[in-house]
Amino acid sequence: MASELSVEALREEIDRLDEVIVRLLDSRARCAYAIGRMKRLEGRPIYEPGRETAVVAHAKEVNARLGGPLDDEAIGRLYERIMDEARRIQRLEAEREAGTQSPADSVILDGDAKEQSWSS
């Protein structure tokens, strides 16, 4: 398929795929945010290395089934970064609830901010 399309057509496809990826990342971040709230209520730590290992392993299994150009190391790096951001969201919300966040962070997680309507 890709060899039959022009560079412009492929770039348009990438733009469409990027929109899907961002929407999926948004949905994932919303779940991570909710999990962070539950963890705080249950007294669980934000960082759970066993769970993160399982997430990366699952992503690598899915990738192997696809047989695409990304290798295990690439998938591992991508998921490490995604999980870093999930932990950051959880940490910022915990700081917000504790009243210890910086002013710049308040825009990120303020429930009334238009930019982040996902926090409740």
N, C-alpha and C. Protein backbone atom coordinates (compact mmCIF):
# COMPACT_ATOMS: atom_id res chain seq x y z
N MET A 1 0.82 -1.20 0.00
CA MET A 1 0.00 0.00 0.00
C MET A 1 0.86 1.25 0.00
N ALA A 2 1.82 1.35 0.93
CA ALA A 2 2.61 2.57 1.09
C ALA A 2 3.40 2.90 -0.16
N SER A 3 3.93 1.89 -0.85
CA SER A 3 4.74 2.16 -2.04
C SER A 3 3.90 2.70 -3.19
N GLU A 4 2.59 2.51 -3.14
CA GLU A 4 1.71 2.97 -4.20
C GLU A 4 1.24 4.40 -4.00
N LEU A 5 1.46 4.97 -2.83
CA LEU A 5 0.98 6.31 -2.52
C LEU A 5 2.10 7.34 -2.65
N SER A 6 1.72 8.56 -2.89
CA SER A 6 2.69 9.65 -2.97
C SER A 6 3.11 10.06 -1.55
N VAL A 7 4.20 10.81 -1.47
CA VAL A 7 4.65 11.33 -0.18
C VAL A 7 3.55 12.16 0.46
N GLU A 8 2.88 12.98 -0.32
CA GLU A 8 1.81 13.82 0.21
C GLU A 8 0.66 12.98 0.77
N ALA A 9 0.28 11.95 0.04
CA ALA A 9 -0.81 11.08 0.50
C ALA A 9 -0.40 10.35 1.78
N LEU A 10 0.82 9.91 1.85
CA LEU A 10 1.31 9.23 3.05
C LEU A 10 1.34 10.19 4.24
N ARG A 11 1.74 11.43 3.98
CA ARG A 11 1.75 12.42 5.06
C ARG A 11 0.34 12.73 5.54
N GLU A 12 -0.62 12.77 4.63
CA GLU A 12 -2.02 12.96 5.03
C GLU A 12 -2.48 11.79 5.90
N GLU A 13 -2.09 10.59 5.53
CA GLU A 13 -2.44 9.41 6.33
C GLU A 13 -1.79 9.49 7.71
N ILE A 14 -0.55 9.93 7.77
CA ILE A 14 0.12 10.10 9.06
C ILE A 14 -0.62 11.13 9.90
N ASP A 15 -1.04 12.22 9.30
CA ASP A 15 -1.81 13.23 10.04
C ASP A 15 -3.09 12.64 10.61
N ARG A 16 -3.79 11.83 9.83
CA ARG A 16 -5.02 11.18 10.32
C ARG A 16 -4.69 10.21 11.46
N LEU A 17 -3.63 9.45 11.28
CA LEU A 17 -3.23 8.50 12.32
C LEU A 17 -2.80 9.23 13.59
N ASP A 18 -2.11 10.35 13.44
CA ASP A 18 -1.69 11.13 14.61
C ASP A 18 -2.90 11.60 15.41
N GLU A 19 -3.96 11.97 14.72
CA GLU A 19 -5.17 12.38 15.44
C GLU A 19 -5.74 11.21 16.24
N VAL A 20 -5.75 10.05 15.66
CA VAL A 20 -6.23 8.86 16.37
C VAL A 20 -5.32 8.56 17.56
N ILE A 21 -4.02 8.63 17.36
CA ILE A 21 -3.07 8.37 18.44
C ILE A 21 -3.28 9.34 19.59
N VAL A 22 -3.43 10.63 19.28
CA VAL A 22 -3.62 11.63 20.33
C VAL A 22 -4.93 11.37 21.07
N ARG A 23 -5.97 11.02 20.36
CA ARG A 23 -7.25 10.70 21.02
C ARG A 23 -7.10 9.48 21.94
N LEU A 24 -6.37 8.49 21.49
CA LEU A 24 -6.14 7.30 22.32
C LEU A 24 -5.28 7.64 23.54
N LEU A 25 -4.26 8.46 23.33
CA LEU A 25 -3.44 8.89 24.47
C LEU A 25 -4.26 9.69 25.47
N ASP A 26 -5.16 10.51 24.96
CA ASP A 26 -6.05 11.26 25.84
C ASP A 26 -6.91 10.32 26.67
N SER A 27 -7.49 9.33 26.03
CA SER A 27 -8.32 8.35 26.74
C SER A 27 -7.49 7.60 27.78
N ARG A 28 -6.28 7.23 27.40
CA ARG A 28 -5.40 6.51 28.33
C ARG A 28 -5.05 7.40 29.52
N ALA A 29 -4.77 8.67 29.26
CA ALA A 29 -4.43 9.60 30.34
C ALA A 29 -5.61 9.78 31.29
N ARG A 30 -6.81 9.83 30.76
CA ARG A 30 -8.00 9.94 31.62
C ARG A 30 -8.13 8.73 32.53
N CYS A 31 -7.85 7.55 31.99
CA CYS A 31 -7.88 6.34 32.82
C CYS A 31 -6.79 6.39 33.88
N ALA A 32 -5.59 6.82 33.51
CA ALA A 32 -4.49 6.91 34.47
C ALA A 32 -4.83 7.90 35.57
N TYR A 33 -5.46 9.00 35.20
CA TYR A 33 -5.88 10.00 36.19
C TYR A 33 -6.86 9.38 37.19
N ALA A 34 -7.85 8.65 36.68
CA ALA A 34 -8.84 8.00 37.55
C ALA A 34 -8.17 6.94 38.43
N ILE A 35 -7.25 6.20 37.87
CA ILE A 35 -6.53 5.20 38.65
C ILE A 35 -5.74 5.88 39.76
N GLY A 36 -5.13 7.01 39.44
CA GLY A 36 -4.37 7.75 40.46
C GLY A 36 -5.24 8.16 41.63
N ARG A 37 -6.44 8.61 41.35
CA ARG A 37 -7.38 8.97 42.43
C ARG A 37 -7.72 7.75 43.28
N MET A 38 -7.97 6.62 42.62
CA MET A 38 -8.28 5.39 43.35
C MET A 38 -7.09 4.93 44.19
N LYS A 39 -5.90 5.02 43.62
CA LYS A 39 -4.71 4.64 44.38
C LYS A 39 -4.58 5.47 45.65
N ARG A 40 -4.82 6.78 45.54
CA ARG A 40 -4.73 7.63 46.74
C ARG A 40 -5.75 7.21 47.78
N LEU A 41 -6.97 6.94 47.35
CA LEU A 41 -8.01 6.52 48.29
C LEU A 41 -7.67 5.21 48.98
N GLU A 42 -6.98 4.33 48.24
CA GLU A 42 -6.61 3.03 48.78
C GLU A 42 -5.24 3.03 49.46
N GLY A 43 -4.55 4.18 49.42
CA GLY A 43 -3.23 4.28 50.03
C GLY A 43 -2.15 3.54 49.26
N ARG A 44 -2.35 3.38 47.98
CA ARG A 44 -1.37 2.68 47.14
C ARG A 44 -0.40 3.68 46.54
N PRO A 45 0.82 3.25 46.27
CA PRO A 45 1.81 4.15 45.65
C PRO A 45 1.49 4.41 44.18
N ILE A 46 1.93 5.56 43.70
CA ILE A 46 1.76 5.88 42.28
C ILE A 46 2.56 4.91 41.42
N TYR A 47 3.81 4.70 41.81
CA TYR A 47 4.70 3.83 41.03
C TYR A 47 4.52 2.39 41.45
N GLU A 48 4.09 1.56 40.50
CA GLU A 48 3.92 0.13 40.73
C GLU A 48 4.71 -0.61 39.64
N PRO A 49 5.99 -0.91 39.93
CA PRO A 49 6.85 -1.48 38.90
C PRO A 49 6.34 -2.79 38.29
N GLY A 50 5.70 -3.62 39.08
CA GLY A 50 5.17 -4.88 38.54
C GLY A 50 4.12 -4.64 37.47
N ARG A 51 3.24 -3.68 37.72
CA ARG A 51 2.21 -3.36 36.74
C ARG A 51 2.83 -2.78 35.47
N GLU A 52 3.82 -1.92 35.64
CA GLU A 52 4.46 -1.32 34.46
C GLU A 52 5.18 -2.37 33.63
N THR A 53 5.81 -3.33 34.29
CA THR A 53 6.47 -4.42 33.58
C THR A 53 5.44 -5.21 32.77
N ALA A 54 4.28 -5.46 33.36
CA ALA A 54 3.22 -6.20 32.67
C ALA A 54 2.68 -5.41 31.47
N VAL A 55 2.55 -4.09 31.63
CA VAL A 55 2.05 -3.25 30.53
C VAL A 55 3.01 -3.31 29.35
N VAL A 56 4.30 -3.16 29.62
CA VAL A 56 5.30 -3.19 28.55
C VAL A 56 5.32 -4.57 27.89
N ALA A 57 5.25 -5.62 28.69
CA ALA A 57 5.26 -6.97 28.13
C ALA A 57 4.05 -7.18 27.21
N HIS A 58 2.89 -6.70 27.64
CA HIS A 58 1.68 -6.83 26.81
C HIS A 58 1.84 -6.06 25.51
N ALA A 59 2.35 -4.84 25.58
CA ALA A 59 2.54 -4.04 24.37
C ALA A 59 3.52 -4.73 23.41
N LYS A 60 4.55 -5.34 23.95
CA LYS A 60 5.52 -6.05 23.11
C LYS A 60 4.88 -7.28 22.46
N GLU A 61 4.01 -7.97 23.19
CA GLU A 61 3.30 -9.12 22.62
C GLU A 61 2.42 -8.69 21.46
N VAL A 62 1.68 -7.60 21.65
CA VAL A 62 0.81 -7.10 20.58
C VAL A 62 1.66 -6.72 19.37
N ASN A 63 2.74 -6.03 19.62
CA ASN A 63 3.63 -5.62 18.54
C ASN A 63 4.20 -6.82 17.79
N ALA A 64 4.58 -7.85 18.50
CA ALA A 64 5.13 -9.05 17.85
C ALA A 64 4.10 -9.69 16.93
N ARG A 65 2.84 -9.70 17.35
CA ARG A 65 1.78 -10.26 16.51
C ARG A 65 1.59 -9.46 15.22
N LEU A 66 1.82 -8.15 15.32
CA LEU A 66 1.67 -7.29 14.14
C LEU A 66 2.81 -7.47 13.16
N GLY A 67 3.98 -7.81 13.66
CA GLY A 67 5.13 -8.03 12.79
C GLY A 67 5.60 -6.80 12.06
N GLY A 68 5.39 -5.65 12.65
CA GLY A 68 5.77 -4.40 11.99
C GLY A 68 7.22 -4.02 12.18
N PRO A 69 7.54 -2.81 11.78
CA PRO A 69 8.94 -2.37 11.80
C PRO A 69 9.48 -1.97 13.18
N LEU A 70 8.62 -1.80 14.18
CA LEU A 70 9.11 -1.43 15.51
C LEU A 70 9.57 -2.68 16.24
N ASP A 71 10.78 -2.62 16.82
CA ASP A 71 11.26 -3.76 17.59
C ASP A 71 10.88 -3.60 19.07
N ASP A 72 11.18 -4.63 19.86
CA ASP A 72 10.82 -4.62 21.27
C ASP A 72 11.40 -3.42 22.02
N GLU A 73 12.62 -3.05 21.68
CA GLU A 73 13.25 -1.92 22.37
C GLU A 73 12.50 -0.62 22.08
N ALA A 74 12.06 -0.45 20.85
CA ALA A 74 11.31 0.76 20.48
C ALA A 74 9.98 0.80 21.24
N ILE A 75 9.28 -0.31 21.27
CA ILE A 75 8.01 -0.37 22.00
C ILE A 75 8.26 -0.10 23.48
N GLY A 76 9.31 -0.67 24.03
CA GLY A 76 9.65 -0.45 25.44
C GLY A 76 9.90 1.02 25.72
N ARG A 77 10.66 1.69 24.86
CA ARG A 77 10.94 3.12 25.04
C ARG A 77 9.66 3.95 24.96
N LEU A 78 8.82 3.65 23.99
CA LEU A 78 7.57 4.40 23.84
C LEU A 78 6.68 4.22 25.06
N TYR A 79 6.55 3.01 25.53
CA TYR A 79 5.68 2.77 26.69
C TYR A 79 6.28 3.29 27.99
N GLU A 80 7.58 3.29 28.11
CA GLU A 80 8.19 3.91 29.29
C GLU A 80 7.82 5.39 29.35
N ARG A 81 7.85 6.04 28.22
CA ARG A 81 7.52 7.47 28.17
C ARG A 81 6.04 7.69 28.46
N ILE A 82 5.18 6.87 27.88
CA ILE A 82 3.74 6.98 28.13
C ILE A 82 3.46 6.80 29.62
N MET A 83 4.09 5.82 30.23
CA MET A 83 3.86 5.58 31.66
C MET A 83 4.48 6.67 32.53
N ASP A 84 5.60 7.24 32.09
CA ASP A 84 6.17 8.39 32.80
C ASP A 84 5.14 9.52 32.89
N GLU A 85 4.47 9.78 31.78
CA GLU A 85 3.47 10.84 31.75
C GLU A 85 2.26 10.49 32.60
N ALA A 86 1.87 9.22 32.62
CA ALA A 86 0.75 8.79 33.47
C ALA A 86 1.10 9.02 34.94
N ARG A 87 2.32 8.66 35.33
CA ARG A 87 2.74 8.90 36.71
C ARG A 87 2.78 10.39 37.02
N ARG A 88 3.21 11.19 36.07
CA ARG A 88 3.26 12.64 36.26
C ARG A 88 1.86 13.19 36.52
N ILE A 89 0.88 12.74 35.74
CA ILE A 89 -0.50 13.17 35.93
C ILE A 89 -0.98 12.79 37.34
N GLN A 90 -0.69 11.57 37.73
CA GLN A 90 -1.11 11.11 39.06
C GLN A 90 -0.41 11.90 40.17
N ARG A 91 0.88 12.17 39.99
CA ARG A 91 1.63 12.93 40.99
C ARG A 91 1.11 14.36 41.10
N LEU A 92 0.86 15.01 39.97
CA LEU A 92 0.36 16.39 39.99
C LEU A 92 -1.01 16.48 40.65
N GLU A 93 -1.86 15.51 40.39
CA GLU A 93 -3.18 15.51 41.02
C GLU A 93 -3.04 15.31 42.52
N ALA A 94 -2.14 14.42 42.94
CA ALA A 94 -1.92 14.20 44.37
C ALA A 94 -1.40 15.48 45.02
N GLU A 95 -0.50 16.18 44.35
CA GLU A 95 0.03 17.45 44.87
C GLU A 95 -1.06 18.50 44.93
N ARG A 96 -1.93 18.51 43.91
CA ARG A 96 -3.02 19.48 43.90
C ARG A 96 -3.93 19.24 45.10
N GLU A 97 -4.28 18.00 45.31
CA GLU A 97 -5.16 17.69 46.44
C GLU A 97 -4.49 18.00 47.77
N ALA A 98 -3.18 17.86 47.84
CA ALA A 98 -2.45 18.15 49.08
C ALA A 98 -2.14 19.64 49.22
N GLY A 99 -2.40 20.41 48.14
CA GLY A 99 -2.12 21.83 48.16
C GLY A 99 -0.65 22.17 48.04
N THR A 100 0.14 21.27 47.42
CA THR A 100 1.58 21.50 47.31
C THR A 100 2.06 21.70 45.88
N GLN A 101 1.17 21.87 44.93
CA GLN A 101 1.60 22.03 43.55
C GLN A 101 2.06 23.44 43.27
N SER A 102 2.84 23.58 42.23
CA SER A 102 3.30 24.91 41.81
C SER A 102 2.19 25.59 41.02
N PRO A 103 2.21 26.93 40.91
CA PRO A 103 1.17 27.63 40.13
C PRO A 103 1.08 27.17 38.69
N ALA A 104 2.20 26.84 38.08
CA ALA A 104 2.17 26.38 36.68
C ALA A 104 1.41 25.07 36.56
N ASP A 105 1.52 24.20 37.54
CA ASP A 105 0.82 22.92 37.50
C ASP A 105 -0.67 23.07 37.69
N SER A 106 -1.13 24.13 38.32
CA SER A 106 -2.56 24.27 38.58
C SER A 106 -3.35 24.36 37.30
N VAL A 107 -2.77 24.90 36.24
CA VAL A 107 -3.46 24.98 34.96
C VAL A 107 -3.67 23.59 34.40
N ILE A 108 -2.74 22.69 34.65
CA ILE A 108 -2.81 21.35 34.10
C ILE A 108 -3.97 20.56 34.68
N LEU A 109 -4.19 20.68 35.97
CA LEU A 109 -5.15 19.80 36.61
C LEU A 109 -6.31 20.50 37.28
N ASP A 110 -6.47 21.78 37.08
CA ASP A 110 -7.57 22.50 37.70
C ASP A 110 -8.87 22.05 37.07
N GLY A 111 -9.79 21.57 37.90
CA GLY A 111 -11.07 21.05 37.42
C GLY A 111 -11.90 22.09 36.69
N ASP A 112 -11.65 23.39 36.94
CA ASP A 112 -12.42 24.44 36.29
C ASP A 112 -11.74 24.96 35.03
N ALA A 113 -10.52 24.54 34.77
CA ALA A 113 -9.78 25.05 33.61
C ALA A 113 -10.36 24.47 32.33
N LYS A 114 -10.54 25.30 31.35
CA LYS A 114 -11.06 24.83 30.06
C LYS A 114 -10.07 23.89 29.38
N GLU A 115 -8.76 24.14 29.58
CA GLU A 115 -7.77 23.33 28.92
C GLU A 115 -7.82 21.89 29.35
N GLN A 116 -8.24 21.61 30.55
CA GLN A 116 -8.22 20.25 31.07
C GLN A 116 -9.57 19.91 31.68
N SER A 117 -10.59 19.84 30.88
CA SER A 117 -11.92 19.55 31.38
C SER A 117 -12.06 18.13 31.88
N TRP A 118 -11.04 17.28 31.68
CA TRP A 118 -11.14 15.90 32.08
C TRP A 118 -10.97 15.69 33.57
N SER A 119 -10.39 16.65 34.27
CA SER A 119 -10.25 16.43 35.71
C SER A 119 -11.56 16.79 36.40
N SER A 120 -11.88 16.00 37.41
CA SER A 120 -13.15 16.24 38.09
C SER A 120 -12.93 16.44 39.57
